[in-house]
């Protein structure tokens, strides 16, 4: 009976992991979690081949994020907002609201691409906050 339960758990876990790779927001969250734990090699693995080619190494990539996107490097809360699909669903633009360690909110838009190895992050743009008037 124990062997059956273990086999079922392993099978269920691998099915869940495969489905998780299919969801762009989960890939983004995994990268944010990797940055939080300062695992730049893991964070770099979620980047598309184009991004990996631009930065050449996890260290270069980590430095760019730390200094160029400090709210990603030191994120404390994430909320997924609007998602738009293009090219038959192979490209997704996902808006993400990130709270930094100081409590400030930032809206970023992630470009996700579906590749044979799963969803990868192909770029991130920090969006300007909406103008609010009284």
C-alpha atoms as a PDB file:
ATOM      1  CA  UNK A   1       0.000   0.000   0.000  1.00  0.00           C
ATOM      2  CA  UNK A   2       2.832   2.389   0.847  1.00  0.00           C
ATOM      3  CA  UNK A   3       4.419   1.731  -2.572  1.00  0.00           C
ATOM      4  CA  UNK A   4       1.105   2.524  -4.264  1.00  0.00           C
ATOM      5  CA  UNK A   5       0.745   5.817  -2.388  1.00  0.00           C
ATOM      6  CA  UNK A   6       4.342   6.759  -3.179  1.00  0.00           C
ATOM      7  CA  UNK A   7       3.887   5.902  -6.879  1.00  0.00           C
ATOM      8  CA  UNK A   8       0.648   7.907  -7.001  1.00  0.00           C
ATOM      9  CA  UNK A   9       2.320  10.909  -5.331  1.00  0.00           C
ATOM     10  CA  UNK A  10       5.272  10.808  -7.758  1.00  0.00           C
ATOM     11  CA  UNK A  11       2.951  10.526 -10.759  1.00  0.00           C
ATOM     12  CA  UNK A  12       0.707  13.358  -9.505  1.00  0.00           C
ATOM     13  CA  UNK A  13       3.724  15.577  -8.748  1.00  0.00           C
ATOM     14  CA  UNK A  14       5.190  15.143 -12.225  1.00  0.00           C
ATOM     15  CA  UNK A  15       1.835  15.880 -13.884  1.00  0.00           C
ATOM     16  CA  UNK A  16       1.460  19.002 -11.704  1.00  0.00           C
ATOM     17  CA  UNK A  17       5.026  20.126 -12.509  1.00  0.00           C
ATOM     18  CA  UNK A  18       4.387  19.717 -16.237  1.00  0.00           C
ATOM     19  CA  UNK A  19       1.187  21.769 -15.976  1.00  0.00           C
ATOM     20  CA  UNK A  20       2.984  24.418 -13.902  1.00  0.00           C
ATOM     21  CA  UNK A  21       5.518  24.901 -16.697  1.00  0.00           C
ATOM     22  CA  UNK A  22       2.604  25.586 -19.032  1.00  0.00           C
ATOM     23  CA  UNK A  23       1.377  28.614 -17.082  1.00  0.00           C
ATOM     24  CA  UNK A  24       3.313  31.841 -17.774  1.00  0.00           C
ATOM     25  CA  UNK A  25       2.419  33.411 -14.415  1.00  0.00           C
ATOM     26  CA  UNK A  26       3.928  30.470 -12.544  1.00  0.00           C
ATOM     27  CA  UNK A  27       7.201  30.896 -14.412  1.00  0.00           C
ATOM     28  CA  UNK A  28       7.254  34.597 -13.500  1.00  0.00           C
ATOM     29  CA  UNK A  29       6.551  33.759  -9.856  1.00  0.00           C
ATOM     30  CA  UNK A  30       9.291  31.132  -9.835  1.00  0.00           C
ATOM     31  CA  UNK A  31      11.772  33.692 -11.139  1.00  0.00           C
ATOM     32  CA  UNK A  32      10.685  36.248  -8.543  1.00  0.00           C
ATOM     33  CA  UNK A  33      11.103  33.606  -5.835  1.00  0.00           C
ATOM     34  CA  UNK A  34      14.579  32.812  -7.165  1.00  0.00           C
ATOM     35  CA  UNK A  35      15.546  36.495  -6.951  1.00  0.00           C
ATOM     36  CA  UNK A  36      14.188  36.670  -3.399  1.00  0.00           C
ATOM     37  CA  UNK A  37      16.437  33.767  -2.413  1.00  0.00           C
ATOM     38  CA  UNK A  38      19.318  35.301  -4.454  1.00  0.00           C
ATOM     39  CA  UNK A  39      19.535  32.212  -6.677  1.00  0.00           C
ATOM     40  CA  UNK A  40      20.527  34.049  -9.857  1.00  0.00           C
ATOM     41  CA  UNK A  41      21.356  30.814 -11.672  1.00  0.00           C
ATOM     42  CA  UNK A  42      17.794  29.595 -11.157  1.00  0.00           C
ATOM     43  CA  UNK A  43      16.374  33.030 -12.083  1.00  0.00           C
ATOM     44  CA  UNK A  44      18.517  33.032 -15.253  1.00  0.00           C
ATOM     45  CA  UNK A  45      17.083  29.633 -16.243  1.00  0.00           C
ATOM     46  CA  UNK A  46      13.630  31.215 -16.664  1.00  0.00           C
ATOM     47  CA  UNK A  47      14.963  33.738 -19.215  1.00  0.00           C
ATOM     48  CA  UNK A  48      14.563  33.113 -22.933  1.00  0.00           C
ATOM     49  CA  UNK A  49      17.589  32.208 -25.055  1.00  0.00           C
ATOM     50  CA  UNK A  50      17.589  35.786 -26.417  1.00  0.00           C
ATOM     51  CA  UNK A  51      17.871  37.257 -22.895  1.00  0.00           C
ATOM     52  CA  UNK A  52      20.456  34.670 -21.881  1.00  0.00           C
ATOM     53  CA  UNK A  53      22.470  35.563 -24.988  1.00  0.00           C
ATOM     54  CA  UNK A  54      22.330  39.269 -24.155  1.00  0.00           C
ATOM     55  CA  UNK A  55      23.674  38.810 -20.629  1.00  0.00           C
ATOM     56  CA  UNK A  56      25.892  35.752 -21.181  1.00  0.00           C
ATOM     57  CA  UNK A  57      25.938  34.664 -17.524  1.00  0.00           C
ATOM     58  CA  UNK A  58      23.687  34.444 -14.467  1.00  0.00           C
ATOM     59  CA  UNK A  59      25.984  36.929 -12.691  1.00  0.00           C
ATOM     60  CA  UNK A  60      25.591  39.605 -15.392  1.00  0.00           C
ATOM     61  CA  UNK A  61      21.845  38.989 -15.462  1.00  0.00           C
ATOM     62  CA  UNK A  62      21.584  39.237 -11.667  1.00  0.00           C
ATOM     63  CA  UNK A  63      23.483  42.538 -11.615  1.00  0.00           C
ATOM     64  CA  UNK A  64      21.212  43.995 -14.291  1.00  0.00           C
ATOM     65  CA  UNK A  65      18.110  43.037 -12.292  1.00  0.00           C
ATOM     66  CA  UNK A  66      19.541  44.205  -8.959  1.00  0.00           C
ATOM     67  CA  UNK A  67      20.386  47.678 -10.279  1.00  0.00           C
ATOM     68  CA  UNK A  68      17.879  48.062 -13.142  1.00  0.00           C
ATOM     69  CA  UNK A  69      14.831  46.460 -11.541  1.00  0.00           C
ATOM     70  CA  UNK A  70      15.317  46.764  -7.770  1.00  0.00           C
ATOM     71  CA  UNK A  71      11.608  46.088  -7.169  1.00  0.00           C
ATOM     72  CA  UNK A  72      12.057  42.670  -8.786  1.00  0.00           C
ATOM     73  CA  UNK A  73      15.280  41.972  -6.898  1.00  0.00           C
ATOM     74  CA  UNK A  74      13.659  42.912  -3.560  1.00  0.00           C
ATOM     75  CA  UNK A  75      10.030  42.005  -4.159  1.00  0.00           C
ATOM     76  CA  UNK A  76       7.717  41.383  -1.224  1.00  0.00           C
ATOM     77  CA  UNK A  77       4.323  40.853  -2.851  1.00  0.00           C
ATOM     78  CA  UNK A  78       3.078  39.947  -6.308  1.00  0.00           C
ATOM     79  CA  UNK A  79      -0.314  40.244  -7.951  1.00  0.00           C
ATOM     80  CA  UNK A  80      -0.985  39.138 -11.521  1.00  0.00           C
ATOM     81  CA  UNK A  81      -3.141  41.535 -13.514  1.00  0.00           C
ATOM     82  CA  UNK A  82      -4.193  41.614 -17.186  1.00  0.00           C
ATOM     83  CA  UNK A  83      -2.880  39.042 -19.616  1.00  0.00           C
ATOM     84  CA  UNK A  84      -2.958  39.358 -23.417  1.00  0.00           C
ATOM     85  CA  UNK A  85      -2.164  36.548 -25.855  1.00  0.00           C
ATOM     86  CA  UNK A  86      -0.637  36.861 -29.320  1.00  0.00           C
ATOM     87  CA  UNK A  87       0.581  34.535 -32.075  1.00  0.00           C
ATOM     88  CA  UNK A  88      -1.924  31.766 -31.349  1.00  0.00           C
ATOM     89  CA  UNK A  89      -1.141  31.934 -27.646  1.00  0.00           C
ATOM     90  CA  UNK A  90       2.624  31.450 -28.057  1.00  0.00           C
ATOM     91  CA  UNK A  91       3.363  34.985 -26.835  1.00  0.00           C
ATOM     92  CA  UNK A  92       1.765  36.363 -23.678  1.00  0.00           C
ATOM     93  CA  UNK A  93       2.020  39.867 -22.258  1.00  0.00           C
ATOM     94  CA  UNK A  94       1.423  39.569 -18.514  1.00  0.00           C
ATOM     95  CA  UNK A  95       1.032  42.632 -16.289  1.00  0.00           C
ATOM     96  CA  UNK A  96       2.304  42.119 -12.757  1.00  0.00           C
ATOM     97  CA  UNK A  97       1.965  44.412  -9.757  1.00  0.00           C
ATOM     98  CA  UNK A  98       4.974  44.082  -7.469  1.00  0.00           C
ATOM     99  CA  UNK A  99       5.379  45.600  -4.043  1.00  0.00           C
ATOM    100  CA  UNK A 100       8.986  46.343  -3.144  1.00  0.00           C
ATOM    101  CA  UNK A 101      10.519  46.032   0.317  1.00  0.00           C
ATOM    102  CA  UNK A 102       9.730  49.692   1.063  1.00  0.00           C
ATOM    103  CA  UNK A 103       6.036  49.132   0.313  1.00  0.00           C
ATOM    104  CA  UNK A 104       5.900  50.964  -3.030  1.00  0.00           C
ATOM    105  CA  UNK A 105       3.844  49.406  -5.826  1.00  0.00           C
ATOM    106  CA  UNK A 106       5.184  48.937  -9.359  1.00  0.00           C
ATOM    107  CA  UNK A 107       3.481  47.647 -12.500  1.00  0.00           C
ATOM    108  CA  UNK A 108       5.628  45.628 -14.874  1.00  0.00           C
ATOM    109  CA  UNK A 109       4.725  43.919 -18.117  1.00  0.00           C
ATOM    110  CA  UNK A 110       6.425  40.601 -18.826  1.00  0.00           C
ATOM    111  CA  UNK A 111       6.711  39.254 -22.343  1.00  0.00           C
ATOM    112  CA  UNK A 112       6.460  35.471 -22.199  1.00  0.00           C
ATOM    113  CA  UNK A 113       7.264  33.149 -25.092  1.00  0.00           C
ATOM    114  CA  UNK A 114       6.320  29.494 -25.395  1.00  0.00           C
ATOM    115  CA  UNK A 115       9.334  27.441 -26.489  1.00  0.00           C
ATOM    116  CA  UNK A 116       9.785  23.662 -26.777  1.00  0.00           C
ATOM    117  CA  UNK A 117      11.250  23.676 -23.235  1.00  0.00           C
ATOM    118  CA  UNK A 118       8.249  25.595 -21.838  1.00  0.00           C
ATOM    119  CA  UNK A 119       7.429  29.240 -21.095  1.00  0.00           C
ATOM    120  CA  UNK A 120      10.363  31.646 -20.868  1.00  0.00           C
ATOM    121  CA  UNK A 121      10.604  35.328 -19.967  1.00  0.00           C
ATOM    122  CA  UNK A 122      11.598  37.314 -23.060  1.00  0.00           C
ATOM    123  CA  UNK A 123      11.581  40.800 -21.583  1.00  0.00           C
ATOM    124  CA  UNK A 124      10.185  43.021 -18.843  1.00  0.00           C
ATOM    125  CA  UNK A 125       9.063  46.627 -19.047  1.00  0.00           C
ATOM    126  CA  UNK A 126       8.426  48.878 -16.074  1.00  0.00           C
ATOM    127  CA  UNK A 127       5.195  50.719 -16.866  1.00  0.00           C
ATOM    128  CA  UNK A 128       4.611  54.316 -15.858  1.00  0.00           C
ATOM    129  CA  UNK A 129       1.986  54.726 -13.150  1.00  0.00           C
ATOM    130  CA  UNK A 130      -1.364  56.058 -14.354  1.00  0.00           C
ATOM    131  CA  UNK A 131      -1.893  59.776 -13.938  1.00  0.00           C
ATOM    132  CA  UNK A 132      -4.444  60.490 -11.274  1.00  0.00           C
ATOM    133  CA  UNK A 133      -6.212  63.807 -10.931  1.00  0.00           C
ATOM    134  CA  UNK A 134      -8.509  65.268  -8.379  1.00  0.00           C
END
